[in-house]
Amino acid sequence: MTSSHTYEVFLKADGKGEFRHVGALGAADNEMALVLARECYCRRGEGEQIWVVRRDDIAVADSTVTEPNRHKGHRQNDGKLVAEHRRQLREGS
């Protein structure tokens, strides 16, 4: 008996933009996963390119990996500090 694996399916429309996750399916191998993805997610021409990724092959990071980057506000610039600095320069403060 052939074992089934879970595959995550990603589509890209018309060669523009990014791949987007559209769902998951069960298949015995990569070739069958591509056929099933085409039949399930591209029946009406929604995508030009398909990626299928076996769920077991996805590396998942927990919060200990992302924690060091959570408190780096200097990397987020909404323009408020620059606007305030320019206002102070105009007013001569």
N, C-alpha and C. Protein backbone atom coordinates (compact mmCIF):
# COMPACT_ATOMS: atom_id res chain seq x y z
N MET A 1 0.83 -1.18 0.00
CA MET A 1 0.00 0.00 0.00
C MET A 1 0.88 1.25 0.00
N THR A 2 0.54 2.19 -0.85
CA THR A 2 1.31 3.43 -0.96
C THR A 2 0.87 4.41 0.11
N SER A 3 1.84 5.02 0.77
CA SER A 3 1.49 5.99 1.80
C SER A 3 1.21 7.35 1.16
N SER A 4 0.36 8.10 1.82
CA SER A 4 -0.01 9.42 1.32
C SER A 4 0.68 10.49 2.16
N HIS A 5 1.09 11.54 1.51
CA HIS A 5 1.74 12.66 2.18
C HIS A 5 0.90 13.91 1.97
N THR A 6 1.00 14.84 2.89
CA THR A 6 0.29 16.10 2.76
C THR A 6 1.20 17.10 2.05
N TYR A 7 0.65 17.76 1.05
CA TYR A 7 1.37 18.77 0.27
C TYR A 7 0.66 20.12 0.41
N GLU A 8 1.43 21.18 0.58
CA GLU A 8 0.91 22.54 0.55
C GLU A 8 1.01 23.02 -0.89
N VAL A 9 -0.02 23.72 -1.35
CA VAL A 9 -0.10 24.14 -2.76
C VAL A 9 -0.02 25.66 -2.84
N PHE A 10 0.83 26.14 -3.76
CA PHE A 10 1.01 27.57 -4.00
C PHE A 10 0.78 27.85 -5.48
N LEU A 11 0.12 28.97 -5.78
CA LEU A 11 -0.14 29.36 -7.17
C LEU A 11 0.42 30.74 -7.44
N LYS A 12 0.80 30.95 -8.69
CA LYS A 12 1.22 32.27 -9.17
C LYS A 12 0.43 32.54 -10.44
N ALA A 13 -0.25 33.66 -10.49
CA ALA A 13 -1.12 33.98 -11.62
C ALA A 13 -0.39 34.82 -12.66
N ASP A 14 -0.49 34.45 -13.91
CA ASP A 14 -0.01 35.23 -15.06
C ASP A 14 1.44 35.69 -14.95
N GLY A 15 2.28 35.03 -14.20
CA GLY A 15 3.67 35.41 -14.09
C GLY A 15 3.90 36.71 -13.34
N LYS A 16 2.84 37.26 -12.75
CA LYS A 16 2.95 38.52 -12.01
C LYS A 16 2.81 38.24 -10.52
N GLY A 17 3.35 39.12 -9.74
CA GLY A 17 3.16 39.03 -8.31
C GLY A 17 3.89 37.86 -7.67
N GLU A 18 3.35 37.41 -6.55
CA GLU A 18 3.99 36.39 -5.75
C GLU A 18 3.20 35.09 -5.82
N PHE A 19 3.84 34.04 -5.39
CA PHE A 19 3.11 32.80 -5.17
C PHE A 19 2.25 32.99 -3.93
N ARG A 20 1.05 32.45 -3.93
CA ARG A 20 0.19 32.53 -2.76
C ARG A 20 -0.27 31.13 -2.39
N HIS A 21 -0.40 30.91 -1.10
CA HIS A 21 -0.83 29.61 -0.61
C HIS A 21 -2.34 29.49 -0.87
N VAL A 22 -2.74 28.39 -1.51
CA VAL A 22 -4.15 28.20 -1.85
C VAL A 22 -4.78 27.01 -1.16
N GLY A 23 -3.98 26.15 -0.55
CA GLY A 23 -4.56 25.01 0.14
C GLY A 23 -3.58 23.88 0.32
N ALA A 24 -4.12 22.73 0.69
CA ALA A 24 -3.32 21.54 0.93
C ALA A 24 -4.06 20.34 0.36
N LEU A 25 -3.32 19.28 0.07
CA LEU A 25 -3.92 18.05 -0.45
C LEU A 25 -3.06 16.86 -0.09
N GLY A 26 -3.64 15.69 -0.18
CA GLY A 26 -2.91 14.45 0.07
C GLY A 26 -2.58 13.77 -1.24
N ALA A 27 -1.34 13.29 -1.36
CA ALA A 27 -0.91 12.61 -2.59
C ALA A 27 0.21 11.63 -2.25
N ALA A 28 0.37 10.62 -3.11
CA ALA A 28 1.39 9.60 -2.90
C ALA A 28 2.79 10.09 -3.22
N ASP A 29 2.93 11.00 -4.22
CA ASP A 29 4.24 11.49 -4.62
C ASP A 29 4.12 12.87 -5.24
N ASN A 30 5.26 13.46 -5.60
CA ASN A 30 5.28 14.83 -6.15
C ASN A 30 4.48 14.94 -7.44
N GLU A 31 4.62 13.97 -8.32
CA GLU A 31 3.93 14.01 -9.61
C GLU A 31 2.41 13.99 -9.42
N MET A 32 1.94 13.11 -8.55
CA MET A 32 0.50 13.05 -8.28
C MET A 32 0.03 14.33 -7.60
N ALA A 33 0.86 14.91 -6.74
CA ALA A 33 0.50 16.16 -6.07
C ALA A 33 0.31 17.27 -7.09
N LEU A 34 1.18 17.34 -8.10
CA LEU A 34 1.03 18.36 -9.15
C LEU A 34 -0.25 18.15 -9.95
N VAL A 35 -0.56 16.90 -10.29
CA VAL A 35 -1.79 16.61 -11.04
C VAL A 35 -3.01 17.00 -10.22
N LEU A 36 -3.04 16.60 -8.96
CA LEU A 36 -4.18 16.93 -8.11
C LEU A 36 -4.29 18.43 -7.87
N ALA A 37 -3.16 19.11 -7.70
CA ALA A 37 -3.18 20.56 -7.51
C ALA A 37 -3.75 21.25 -8.74
N ARG A 38 -3.34 20.79 -9.91
CA ARG A 38 -3.88 21.36 -11.15
C ARG A 38 -5.39 21.17 -11.22
N GLU A 39 -5.85 19.97 -10.91
CA GLU A 39 -7.28 19.67 -10.99
C GLU A 39 -8.10 20.37 -9.91
N CYS A 40 -7.53 20.53 -8.74
CA CYS A 40 -8.28 21.15 -7.63
C CYS A 40 -8.22 22.67 -7.63
N TYR A 41 -7.07 23.24 -7.99
CA TYR A 41 -6.87 24.67 -7.79
C TYR A 41 -6.70 25.47 -9.07
N CYS A 42 -6.65 24.84 -10.21
CA CYS A 42 -6.45 25.57 -11.48
C CYS A 42 -7.51 25.21 -12.53
N ARG A 43 -8.65 24.76 -12.10
CA ARG A 43 -9.68 24.32 -13.05
C ARG A 43 -10.18 25.47 -13.92
N ARG A 44 -10.15 26.66 -13.40
CA ARG A 44 -10.65 27.82 -14.16
C ARG A 44 -9.53 28.76 -14.57
N GLY A 45 -8.32 28.25 -14.62
CA GLY A 45 -7.18 29.06 -15.05
C GLY A 45 -6.72 30.07 -14.02
N GLU A 46 -6.90 29.76 -12.72
CA GLU A 46 -6.52 30.71 -11.67
C GLU A 46 -5.02 30.91 -11.54
N GLY A 47 -4.23 29.96 -12.01
CA GLY A 47 -2.78 30.07 -11.84
C GLY A 47 -2.04 29.66 -13.09
N GLU A 48 -0.89 30.28 -13.28
CA GLU A 48 -0.02 29.94 -14.40
C GLU A 48 1.08 28.99 -13.96
N GLN A 49 1.51 29.12 -12.70
CA GLN A 49 2.55 28.25 -12.16
C GLN A 49 2.06 27.65 -10.85
N ILE A 50 2.46 26.42 -10.59
CA ILE A 50 2.07 25.71 -9.37
C ILE A 50 3.33 25.24 -8.65
N TRP A 51 3.34 25.43 -7.35
CA TRP A 51 4.33 24.80 -6.49
C TRP A 51 3.59 23.86 -5.57
N VAL A 52 4.12 22.67 -5.35
CA VAL A 52 3.65 21.78 -4.30
C VAL A 52 4.85 21.47 -3.41
N VAL A 53 4.64 21.58 -2.12
CA VAL A 53 5.71 21.36 -1.15
C VAL A 53 5.22 20.36 -0.11
N ARG A 54 5.95 19.29 0.03
CA ARG A 54 5.57 18.30 1.03
C ARG A 54 5.67 18.93 2.42
N ARG A 55 4.60 18.81 3.18
CA ARG A 55 4.54 19.47 4.48
C ARG A 55 5.68 19.04 5.39
N ASP A 56 6.10 17.80 5.29
CA ASP A 56 7.22 17.30 6.12
C ASP A 56 8.53 18.01 5.81
N ASP A 57 8.65 18.64 4.64
CA ASP A 57 9.88 19.31 4.23
C ASP A 57 9.92 20.79 4.60
N ILE A 58 8.88 21.29 5.24
CA ILE A 58 8.83 22.70 5.62
C ILE A 58 9.50 22.86 6.98
N ALA A 59 10.45 23.77 7.06
CA ALA A 59 11.11 24.07 8.33
C ALA A 59 10.31 25.15 9.03
N VAL A 60 9.99 24.91 10.28
CA VAL A 60 9.17 25.83 11.06
C VAL A 60 10.01 26.42 12.18
N ALA A 61 10.03 27.74 12.27
CA ALA A 61 10.77 28.42 13.32
C ALA A 61 9.83 28.75 14.47
N ASP A 62 10.29 28.53 15.69
CA ASP A 62 9.49 28.92 16.84
C ASP A 62 9.87 30.34 17.28
N SER A 63 9.26 30.81 18.35
CA SER A 63 9.46 32.20 18.77
C SER A 63 10.89 32.48 19.22
N THR A 64 11.67 31.48 19.60
CA THR A 64 13.05 31.74 20.01
C THR A 64 13.91 32.20 18.82
N VAL A 65 13.51 31.83 17.62
CA VAL A 65 14.25 32.25 16.43
C VAL A 65 13.89 33.69 16.06
N THR A 66 12.64 34.06 16.20
CA THR A 66 12.19 35.39 15.78
C THR A 66 12.27 36.45 16.89
N GLU A 67 12.40 36.02 18.13
CA GLU A 67 12.42 36.96 19.26
C GLU A 67 13.48 38.06 19.15
N PRO A 68 14.71 37.79 18.73
CA PRO A 68 15.71 38.86 18.67
C PRO A 68 15.32 40.04 17.76
N ASN A 69 14.44 39.83 16.81
CA ASN A 69 14.06 40.91 15.89
C ASN A 69 12.78 41.63 16.29
N ARG A 70 12.14 41.24 17.36
CA ARG A 70 10.87 41.87 17.75
C ARG A 70 11.02 43.28 18.29
N HIS A 71 12.12 43.58 18.88
CA HIS A 71 12.28 44.87 19.56
C HIS A 71 13.30 45.75 18.85
N LYS A 72 13.18 45.84 17.55
CA LYS A 72 14.09 46.69 16.77
C LYS A 72 13.27 47.76 16.07
N GLY A 73 12.71 48.64 16.87
CA GLY A 73 11.86 49.70 16.35
C GLY A 73 12.57 50.62 15.37
N HIS A 74 13.89 50.71 15.48
CA HIS A 74 14.64 51.57 14.56
C HIS A 74 14.54 51.08 13.12
N ARG A 75 14.11 49.86 12.92
CA ARG A 75 13.96 49.34 11.56
C ARG A 75 12.60 49.67 10.96
N GLN A 76 11.70 50.18 11.77
CA GLN A 76 10.37 50.58 11.31
C GLN A 76 10.32 52.10 11.28
N ASN A 77 10.24 52.68 10.12
CA ASN A 77 10.19 54.14 10.01
C ASN A 77 8.88 54.54 9.37
N ASP A 78 8.03 55.15 10.18
CA ASP A 78 6.75 55.63 9.63
C ASP A 78 6.83 57.10 9.23
N GLY A 79 7.99 57.72 9.40
CA GLY A 79 8.19 59.09 8.97
C GLY A 79 7.92 60.13 10.05
N LYS A 80 7.37 59.74 11.19
CA LYS A 80 7.03 60.70 12.24
C LYS A 80 8.26 61.39 12.81
N LEU A 81 9.33 60.63 13.04
CA LEU A 81 10.54 61.25 13.59
C LEU A 81 11.16 62.24 12.62
N VAL A 82 11.17 61.89 11.34
CA VAL A 82 11.72 62.80 10.33
C VAL A 82 10.85 64.05 10.23
N ALA A 83 9.55 63.89 10.23
CA ALA A 83 8.64 65.04 10.15
C ALA A 83 8.82 65.96 11.36
N GLU A 84 8.96 65.38 12.54
CA GLU A 84 9.16 66.17 13.75
C GLU A 84 10.50 66.92 13.70
N HIS A 85 11.53 66.25 13.23
CA HIS A 85 12.84 66.89 13.10
C HIS A 85 12.78 68.07 12.12
N ARG A 86 12.13 67.88 10.99
CA ARG A 86 12.00 68.98 10.02
C ARG A 86 11.17 70.13 10.57
N ARG A 87 10.12 69.81 11.32
CA ARG A 87 9.30 70.87 11.92
C ARG A 87 10.13 71.69 12.91
N GLN A 88 10.95 71.01 13.70
CA GLN A 88 11.79 71.73 14.65
C GLN A 88 12.81 72.60 13.93
N LEU A 89 13.37 72.13 12.81
CA LEU A 89 14.32 72.93 12.05
C LEU A 89 13.65 74.18 11.47
N ARG A 90 12.43 74.03 10.97
CA ARG A 90 11.69 75.18 10.41
C ARG A 90 11.39 76.21 11.46
N GLU A 91 11.03 75.74 12.66
CA GLU A 91 10.66 76.64 13.74
C GLU A 91 11.87 77.19 14.49
N GLY A 92 13.04 76.66 14.17
CA GLY A 92 14.27 77.14 14.80
C GLY A 92 14.46 76.67 16.23
N SER A 93 13.81 75.59 16.59
CA SER A 93 13.92 75.08 17.97
C SER A 93 15.20 74.36 18.20
